[in-house]
Amino acid sequence: MLKTVLDWLGFGRKAAVTERWTAAFGAFLAVLAVFAASGWAIGEQNLIVVTSMGSSAVLLFSSPHSSLSQPWPLVGGHVLAATVGVGCAAMLGVGLFSAGLAVGLAVLLMQWTRSTHPPAGATALAAVIGGDAVINLGWLFIVKPVLLNALLLLISGLIINWPRRSHRYPLREIAISETDTDRHKE
């Protein structure tokens, strides 16, 4: 009974110790690079706007096979969300309505473009509520720090995940027969 409940909760899968440490090390290096680049791009006092990249690092290094972690959703999702966020801030200001609209429109645009990346919702939000440094960057916010950070994460993901046998990245879609699908469920 307990095993059934734990499986239902998603607690059943155990990663190898080396996989856990490699994922943690990859996330550490990637976020370190992101914070260094963002500090250069927008100033250290405004690094809160890149917290969405920490969430992306979790996906990229812990779940590299997820469709949410692939290169297009990672980079495209953040860039599209930043674009929507900057546009909402420019047209509507930095209020609650603008923040909600930025995230909602970013979700819609990511779904239309097949670039859904959940941490990008925080990127859209940061473009609206990120403070003076972000507002002063305006449309440049999309390139620095967002595009720069997303590319740093992607490069880190390619380097760290490449030698990992169980974490081939990026994942190439392959046709899986029903027999293979049943085998993967075990």
C-alpha atoms as a PDB file:
ATOM      1  CA  MET A   1       0.000   0.000   0.000  1.00  0.00           C
ATOM      2  CA  LEU A   2       2.774   2.455   0.934  1.00  0.00           C
ATOM      3  CA  LYS A   3       4.660   1.662  -2.295  1.00  0.00           C
ATOM      4  CA  THR A   4       1.502   2.363  -4.312  1.00  0.00           C
ATOM      5  CA  VAL A   5       1.030   5.718  -2.610  1.00  0.00           C
ATOM      6  CA  LEU A   6       4.705   6.639  -3.063  1.00  0.00           C
ATOM      7  CA  ASP A   7       4.573   5.649  -6.750  1.00  0.00           C
ATOM      8  CA  TRP A   8       1.399   7.698  -7.200  1.00  0.00           C
ATOM      9  CA  LEU A   9       3.149  10.684  -5.623  1.00  0.00           C
ATOM     10  CA  GLY A  10       6.081  10.213  -8.018  1.00  0.00           C
ATOM     11  CA  PHE A  11       8.509   9.258  -5.284  1.00  0.00           C
ATOM     12  CA  GLY A  12       9.420   5.826  -6.692  1.00  0.00           C
ATOM     13  CA  ARG A  13      12.298   6.667  -9.062  1.00  0.00           C
ATOM     14  CA  LYS A  14      15.772   6.625  -7.579  1.00  0.00           C
ATOM     15  CA  ALA A  15      18.712   8.238  -9.357  1.00  0.00           C
ATOM     16  CA  ALA A  16      22.229   6.878  -8.996  1.00  0.00           C
ATOM     17  CA  VAL A  17      24.464   8.790  -6.587  1.00  0.00           C
ATOM     18  CA  THR A  18      26.789   9.889  -9.404  1.00  0.00           C
ATOM     19  CA  GLU A  19      23.806  11.171 -11.396  1.00  0.00           C
ATOM     20  CA  ARG A  20      22.676  13.263  -8.425  1.00  0.00           C
ATOM     21  CA  TRP A  21      26.125  14.761  -7.905  1.00  0.00           C
ATOM     22  CA  THR A  22      26.636  15.444 -11.604  1.00  0.00           C
ATOM     23  CA  ALA A  23      23.262  17.198 -11.821  1.00  0.00           C
ATOM     24  CA  ALA A  24      24.091  19.285  -8.756  1.00  0.00           C
ATOM     25  CA  PHE A  25      27.544  20.170 -10.074  1.00  0.00           C
ATOM     26  CA  GLY A  26      26.133  21.085 -13.492  1.00  0.00           C
ATOM     27  CA  ALA A  27      23.480  23.317 -11.945  1.00  0.00           C
ATOM     28  CA  PHE A  28      26.114  24.945  -9.722  1.00  0.00           C
ATOM     29  CA  LEU A  29      28.402  25.767 -12.649  1.00  0.00           C
ATOM     30  CA  ALA A  30      25.583  26.940 -14.894  1.00  0.00           C
ATOM     31  CA  VAL A  31      24.032  29.231 -12.298  1.00  0.00           C
ATOM     32  CA  LEU A  32      27.471  30.592 -11.397  1.00  0.00           C
ATOM     33  CA  ALA A  33      27.997  31.509 -15.071  1.00  0.00           C
ATOM     34  CA  VAL A  34      24.514  33.021 -15.296  1.00  0.00           C
ATOM     35  CA  PHE A  35      25.000  35.181 -12.219  1.00  0.00           C
ATOM     36  CA  ALA A  36      28.402  36.390 -13.415  1.00  0.00           C
ATOM     37  CA  ALA A  37      26.964  37.305 -16.825  1.00  0.00           C
ATOM     38  CA  SER A  38      23.892  38.937 -15.295  1.00  0.00           C
ATOM     39  CA  GLY A  39      25.969  40.916 -12.832  1.00  0.00           C
ATOM     40  CA  TRP A  40      27.865  42.291 -15.801  1.00  0.00           C
ATOM     41  CA  ALA A  41      24.715  42.913 -17.839  1.00  0.00           C
ATOM     42  CA  ILE A  42      22.385  44.507 -15.300  1.00  0.00           C
ATOM     43  CA  GLY A  43      24.362  45.106 -12.130  1.00  0.00           C
ATOM     44  CA  GLU A  44      24.655  42.975  -9.042  1.00  0.00           C
ATOM     45  CA  GLN A  45      21.887  44.784  -7.168  1.00  0.00           C
ATOM     46  CA  ASN A  46      19.314  43.427  -9.635  1.00  0.00           C
ATOM     47  CA  LEU A  47      20.279  39.762  -9.843  1.00  0.00           C
ATOM     48  CA  ILE A  48      16.867  38.755  -8.532  1.00  0.00           C
ATOM     49  CA  VAL A  49      15.557  38.999 -12.098  1.00  0.00           C
ATOM     50  CA  VAL A  50      17.522  35.911 -13.111  1.00  0.00           C
ATOM     51  CA  THR A  51      16.059  33.569 -10.509  1.00  0.00           C
ATOM     52  CA  SER A  52      14.084  31.884 -13.287  1.00  0.00           C
ATOM     53  CA  MET A  53      17.399  30.582 -14.626  1.00  0.00           C
ATOM     54  CA  GLY A  54      17.890  28.614 -11.407  1.00  0.00           C
ATOM     55  CA  SER A  55      14.626  26.804 -12.109  1.00  0.00           C
ATOM     56  CA  SER A  56      15.780  26.168 -15.660  1.00  0.00           C
ATOM     57  CA  ALA A  57      18.999  24.655 -14.307  1.00  0.00           C
ATOM     58  CA  VAL A  58      16.972  22.213 -12.190  1.00  0.00           C
ATOM     59  CA  LEU A  59      15.077  21.055 -15.284  1.00  0.00           C
ATOM     60  CA  LEU A  60      18.144  20.963 -17.493  1.00  0.00           C
ATOM     61  CA  PHE A  61      20.342  18.905 -15.189  1.00  0.00           C
ATOM     62  CA  SER A  62      17.802  16.806 -13.306  1.00  0.00           C
ATOM     63  CA  SER A  63      15.389  16.112 -16.182  1.00  0.00           C
ATOM     64  CA  PRO A  64      17.291  16.560 -19.440  1.00  0.00           C
ATOM     65  CA  HIS A  65      14.942  14.143 -21.213  1.00  0.00           C
ATOM     66  CA  SER A  66      11.891  16.271 -20.482  1.00  0.00           C
ATOM     67  CA  SER A  67      10.400  18.116 -23.422  1.00  0.00           C
ATOM     68  CA  LEU A  68      10.471  21.202 -21.170  1.00  0.00           C
ATOM     69  CA  SER A  69      14.287  21.015 -20.969  1.00  0.00           C
ATOM     70  CA  GLN A  70      15.109  20.826 -24.657  1.00  0.00           C
ATOM     71  CA  PRO A  71      17.040  23.630 -26.407  1.00  0.00           C
ATOM     72  CA  TRP A  72      14.078  25.311 -28.131  1.00  0.00           C
ATOM     73  CA  PRO A  73      11.864  25.512 -25.022  1.00  0.00           C
ATOM     74  CA  LEU A  74      14.842  26.566 -22.887  1.00  0.00           C
ATOM     75  CA  VAL A  75      16.044  29.406 -25.101  1.00  0.00           C
ATOM     76  CA  GLY A  76      12.870  30.191 -27.026  1.00  0.00           C
ATOM     77  CA  GLY A  77      10.653  30.100 -23.956  1.00  0.00           C
ATOM     78  CA  HIS A  78      12.803  32.572 -22.030  1.00  0.00           C
ATOM     79  CA  VAL A  79      13.265  34.923 -24.996  1.00  0.00           C
ATOM     80  CA  LEU A  80       9.572  34.917 -25.926  1.00  0.00           C
ATOM     81  CA  ALA A  81       8.531  35.425 -22.304  1.00  0.00           C
ATOM     82  CA  ALA A  82      11.018  38.285 -21.876  1.00  0.00           C
ATOM     83  CA  THR A  83       9.697  39.889 -25.054  1.00  0.00           C
ATOM     84  CA  VAL A  84       6.113  39.692 -23.825  1.00  0.00           C
ATOM     85  CA  GLY A  85       7.110  40.977 -20.385  1.00  0.00           C
ATOM     86  CA  VAL A  86       9.032  43.950 -21.748  1.00  0.00           C
ATOM     87  CA  GLY A  87       6.162  44.739 -24.115  1.00  0.00           C
ATOM     88  CA  CYS A  88       3.606  44.667 -21.288  1.00  0.00           C
ATOM     89  CA  ALA A  89       5.812  46.856 -19.091  1.00  0.00           C
ATOM     90  CA  ALA A  90       6.380  49.318 -21.939  1.00  0.00           C
ATOM     91  CA  MET A  91       2.705  49.590 -22.859  1.00  0.00           C
ATOM     92  CA  LEU A  92       0.961  49.147 -19.511  1.00  0.00           C
ATOM     93  CA  GLY A  93       3.539  50.042 -16.867  1.00  0.00           C
ATOM     94  CA  VAL A  94       4.612  47.888 -13.953  1.00  0.00           C
ATOM     95  CA  GLY A  95       1.339  47.214 -12.135  1.00  0.00           C
ATOM     96  CA  LEU A  96      -0.411  44.012 -11.133  1.00  0.00           C
ATOM     97  CA  PHE A  97      -2.456  43.851 -14.326  1.00  0.00           C
ATOM     98  CA  SER A  98       0.675  44.128 -16.469  1.00  0.00           C
ATOM     99  CA  ALA A  99       2.435  41.408 -14.456  1.00  0.00           C
ATOM    100  CA  GLY A 100      -0.476  38.980 -14.747  1.00  0.00           C
ATOM    101  CA  LEU A 101      -0.985  39.742 -18.420  1.00  0.00           C
ATOM    102  CA  ALA A 102       2.724  39.235 -19.149  1.00  0.00           C
ATOM    103  CA  VAL A 103       2.722  35.750 -17.641  1.00  0.00           C
ATOM    104  CA  GLY A 104      -0.590  34.788 -19.233  1.00  0.00           C
ATOM    105  CA  LEU A 105       0.425  35.962 -22.696  1.00  0.00           C
ATOM    106  CA  ALA A 106       3.840  34.323 -22.324  1.00  0.00           C
ATOM    107  CA  VAL A 107       2.152  30.994 -21.554  1.00  0.00           C
ATOM    108  CA  LEU A 108      -0.104  31.380 -24.591  1.00  0.00           C
ATOM    109  CA  LEU A 109       2.783  32.299 -26.883  1.00  0.00           C
ATOM    110  CA  MET A 110       4.958  29.454 -25.595  1.00  0.00           C
ATOM    111  CA  GLN A 111       2.151  26.980 -26.234  1.00  0.00           C
ATOM    112  CA  TRP A 112       1.609  28.288 -29.761  1.00  0.00           C
ATOM    113  CA  THR A 113       5.316  28.090 -30.552  1.00  0.00           C
ATOM    114  CA  ARG A 114       5.892  24.735 -28.823  1.00  0.00           C
ATOM    115  CA  SER A 115       8.424  26.350 -26.516  1.00  0.00           C
ATOM    116  CA  THR A 116       6.763  25.787 -23.140  1.00  0.00           C
ATOM    117  CA  HIS A 117       9.360  26.202 -20.399  1.00  0.00           C
ATOM    118  CA  PRO A 118       7.760  26.816 -16.966  1.00  0.00           C
ATOM    119  CA  PRO A 119      10.626  28.916 -15.536  1.00  0.00           C
ATOM    120  CA  ALA A 120      10.099  31.378 -18.394  1.00  0.00           C
ATOM    121  CA  GLY A 121       6.904  32.502 -16.670  1.00  0.00           C
ATOM    122  CA  ALA A 122       9.145  34.042 -14.017  1.00  0.00           C
ATOM    123  CA  THR A 123      11.185  35.700 -16.771  1.00  0.00           C
ATOM    124  CA  ALA A 124       8.046  37.423 -18.089  1.00  0.00           C
ATOM    125  CA  LEU A 125       7.216  38.497 -14.548  1.00  0.00           C
ATOM    126  CA  ALA A 126      10.755  39.784 -13.929  1.00  0.00           C
ATOM    127  CA  ALA A 127      10.531  41.960 -17.032  1.00  0.00           C
ATOM    128  CA  VAL A 128       7.577  43.734 -15.449  1.00  0.00           C
ATOM    129  CA  ILE A 129       8.527  43.861 -11.758  1.00  0.00           C
ATOM    130  CA  GLY A 130      12.334  43.693 -12.003  1.00  0.00           C
ATOM    131  CA  GLY A 131      12.907  47.249 -10.915  1.00  0.00           C
ATOM    132  CA  ASP A 132      14.676  50.253 -12.387  1.00  0.00           C
ATOM    133  CA  ALA A 133      17.622  48.364 -13.886  1.00  0.00           C
ATOM    134  CA  VAL A 134      15.284  46.159 -15.931  1.00  0.00           C
ATOM    135  CA  ILE A 135      13.004  49.021 -16.941  1.00  0.00           C
ATOM    136  CA  ASN A 136      16.040  51.089 -17.974  1.00  0.00           C
ATOM    137  CA  LEU A 137      17.286  48.231 -20.169  1.00  0.00           C
ATOM    138  CA  GLY A 138      13.945  48.167 -21.984  1.00  0.00           C
ATOM    139  CA  TRP A 139      14.044  45.886 -25.020  1.00  0.00           C
ATOM    140  CA  LEU A 140      17.737  45.192 -24.393  1.00  0.00           C
ATOM    141  CA  PHE A 141      16.611  43.074 -21.398  1.00  0.00           C
ATOM    142  CA  ILE A 142      15.672  40.381 -23.913  1.00  0.00           C
ATOM    143  CA  VAL A 143      19.270  40.094 -25.132  1.00  0.00           C
ATOM    144  CA  LYS A 144      21.149  40.869 -21.947  1.00  0.00           C
ATOM    145  CA  PRO A 145      20.616  39.181 -19.595  1.00  0.00           C
ATOM    146  CA  VAL A 146      17.866  36.799 -20.832  1.00  0.00           C
ATOM    147  CA  LEU A 147      19.225  35.483 -24.148  1.00  0.00           C
ATOM    148  CA  LEU A 148      22.773  35.513 -22.792  1.00  0.00           C
ATOM    149  CA  ASN A 149      21.724  33.514 -19.722  1.00  0.00           C
ATOM    150  CA  ALA A 150      19.636  31.017 -21.680  1.00  0.00           C
ATOM    151  CA  LEU A 151      22.555  30.386 -24.045  1.00  0.00           C
ATOM    152  CA  LEU A 152      24.933  29.939 -21.092  1.00  0.00           C
ATOM    153  CA  LEU A 153      22.545  27.378 -19.608  1.00  0.00           C
ATOM    154  CA  LEU A 154      22.244  25.594 -22.947  1.00  0.00           C
ATOM    155  CA  ILE A 155      26.027  25.428 -23.394  1.00  0.00           C
ATOM    156  CA  SER A 156      26.419  24.203 -19.813  1.00  0.00           C
ATOM    157  CA  GLY A 157      23.740  21.577 -20.391  1.00  0.00           C
ATOM    158  CA  LEU A 158      25.426  20.352 -23.559  1.00  0.00           C
ATOM    159  CA  ILE A 159      28.824  20.107 -21.858  1.00  0.00           C
ATOM    160  CA  ILE A 160      27.696  18.518 -18.583  1.00  0.00           C
ATOM    161  CA  ASN A 161      25.078  16.159 -20.040  1.00  0.00           C
ATOM    162  CA  TRP A 162      27.118  15.047 -23.057  1.00  0.00           C
ATOM    163  CA  PRO A 163      29.276  12.435 -21.265  1.00  0.00           C
ATOM    164  CA  ARG A 164      26.408  11.157 -19.102  1.00  0.00           C
ATOM    165  CA  ARG A 165      25.172   7.914 -20.616  1.00  0.00           C
ATOM    166  CA  SER A 166      21.737   8.139 -19.057  1.00  0.00           C
ATOM    167  CA  HIS A 167      21.281  11.850 -19.819  1.00  0.00           C
ATOM    168  CA  ARG A 168      21.679  12.253 -23.558  1.00  0.00           C
ATOM    169  CA  TYR A 169      21.007  15.895 -24.359  1.00  0.00           C
ATOM    170  CA  PRO A 170      19.417  17.205 -26.409  1.00  0.00           C
ATOM    171  CA  LEU A 171      16.917  14.412 -26.697  1.00  0.00           C
ATOM    172  CA  ARG A 172      16.240  13.340 -30.242  1.00  0.00           C
ATOM    173  CA  GLU A 173      12.674  12.234 -30.787  1.00  0.00           C
ATOM    174  CA  ILE A 174      12.469   8.606 -31.891  1.00  0.00           C
ATOM    175  CA  ALA A 175       9.505   6.458 -32.662  1.00  0.00           C
ATOM    176  CA  ILE A 176       8.837   4.014 -29.849  1.00  0.00           C
ATOM    177  CA  SER A 177       6.720   0.995 -30.543  1.00  0.00           C
ATOM    178  CA  GLU A 178       4.069  -0.120 -28.061  1.00  0.00           C
ATOM    179  CA  THR A 179       6.332  -2.981 -26.996  1.00  0.00           C
ATOM    180  CA  ASP A 180       9.132  -0.536 -26.196  1.00  0.00           C
ATOM    181  CA  THR A 181       6.705   1.735 -24.361  1.00  0.00           C
ATOM    182  CA  ASP A 182       5.548  -1.165 -22.183  1.00  0.00           C
ATOM    183  CA  ARG A 183       9.179  -2.076 -21.463  1.00  0.00           C
ATOM    184  CA  HIS A 184       9.925   1.501 -20.340  1.00  0.00           C
ATOM    185  CA  LYS A 185       7.051   1.438 -17.837  1.00  0.00           C
ATOM    186  CA  GLU A 186       8.639  -1.370 -15.838  1.00  0.00           C
END
